[in-house]
Amino acid sequence: MRPLPICLAAVIAGGSALARSGPVDAGFDRAAATHPTMRRTVPVAPTAPEVSAAAIDLVYFGGPVLSGVEVLQVIWGSGTYLDGVANGGTTTSTRLGDFYHAVTLSPYLDWLCEYDTHTQAIGRGGFGGTIKITPSAANGGSTVTDDQIQSELVAQIGAGALPFPGANTLYMIDFPAGTTILLGSSRSCVDFCGYHGTGSVDGQFFYYAVLPNFTAGSGCALGCGRDPTLFNDLTSTASHEMVEAITDPAVGVATVFGPPLSWYDPINGEIGDICNQIHSNLAGSDGVTYVVQNEWSDALAGCIAQKPNHAPIAQCHDVTVSVFGCTASASIDNDSHDPDCWDTLSRSPSPAGPYPAGLTQVRLTVTDSSGASSSCSANVTVSSIGCDDGIACTTGDACSGSACAGIPGPPPKEVDDRVVLSRSAGVDTIHWDVASGATASDVLVGLISALPSGFGGADERCLGGSLTSASASDSSIPPVGEGFWYLVRGKSFCGNGTYGFEAQNGSSTLERVSGTCH
């Protein structure tokens, strides 16, 4: 929590409050604009105040959120730290670093997508590592103010000790034993257990959270949590501040109930304040169980650490598609969705399509990222407005399922008897009328003495193949005592016509066949 004892998560008196008076804007107390997690410091961990769901009025005021938080653990100099804060890591250099790494990649952040804005979507984040800084003498005393913390962060960033903040960077700062942090007149481990705030460097906001020392004997060890293990109380407080920084990062510079304030209840504070000191065990991405604080889910009107997975909802509708052709692609999906805002869906229709002309029943199965699924069915009707089988000689093309077929056309008719041969300057020229239905012609030539019926002889040759004109020329000269014969046939996409038939007594008998012209 931060800039605004705005959200004194559990004020000394045990409640949450926003210091304000009069109209909302005028009542936003910027002087108290550091958002602390407040808990009573008494020997026994206090009971968190019960807040009725009906009393919650969480409002989005138009400010930014952290889309994918990048946590950097900052160790504030040398000194004594709670075991695990500055040592003991398994996957990172510290045990607390392990916590950040595991929790930012866990379902603990998934459901925060219910706090997406029109321009930003909240997802899982990551851990950028642990960095130990050496604060300046001016800022490294036993008492450190929030202004000094911001000043030191700016100096460390400028010196390159801390990486320059990105839009999602969150510096989580741990302080050693013997350090008292002052937030206005409030004191760490007396008035608050932690807070998150907003600073500026080179004209850009940066976000940070302050975690006082939790070693045995400190005020925070006595009053900041319900768990008998101090490290668990620390992770609960850290998770509280981290999630609030994700959903309301710029609270530290807010001066009105409007931007850059983000998700905030003017009476009860941020989503961590509403659920202050309500803990859960959470399995991190590393398989280790950690203690985290529950956060307010406006969608469920309750305090949760993670949401249960719900099966997606498959919704289908009948589809009719008109196409030129015999198949079409179509989707029967009618806004299938998942109640869980963080889930992604895969869609598997069966059969998958494209679908043939006519009616096909299709079953759609939608599956979420956890493997839960649901199905629905609908009809796809493909209405063909015509098709082309790609065969030029067919007519009446029509669909039969996914196949388009037409009625084959006949090959060209026989060339009629109007074939004229003329000779000029030693060149024979043949003219003919193109056969009915033909798009081209073949001209065959051979010796009269070898004119066969049936299949042609070895002497014949193709004078012209696939001629688009109705004439051909031949300058060759037959042997003495011989002559040439010429035969013409039509051809088209539907096949070849005939060269003719042998005639006997006025009747056609054996067809003249030749493979010389192709």
Foldseek 3Di string as FASTA:
>chain_A
DFAFLLFQLQWLVGATFGQFDDDQLRTRDRLSYINFPFWALDQAADDHDADALVPFDKDFQDAAFQQAAEEEEEEAADAAADQQNQADDDVARGNVLVVQAFLLPFLLFLQCQVQADPVGGHDRYHYDGYAYDYFDPVQNDQEHEPVSVLVRVLVCCVVVSDPDDDPRYEYEYEYHPSHWYDSPPDIDLHGGQKTKAWDDYPRDIYIYIYGYGCDPPGSCVRYQANDPDSVLSRQQSVQLRSVQCRQAVHSSPDSGSHPNGGTAGSGNGAFSSNQPRAWDWDQTPVRDTGIYTFGADSVVSDTHSHDDFDAWAFDFEEEEAEDAAFWDADDRGDPTGGPRPSKDKDKDKVVRDRWGAAKDKIKIWIAIPVGHIDIDIYIYHYHYPYYDQPQVQFPPWDDDTRHTDGHGHDWFEAFDPPWDWDDDPQKIKIFGDATPPFQFKWKKKFKPVQDDFAEGDPRMATQDARHRHRMGMDNDDDPPPIDMDMFMWGGDSSGTYFSAADDDPRDGDTTYDYPRHD
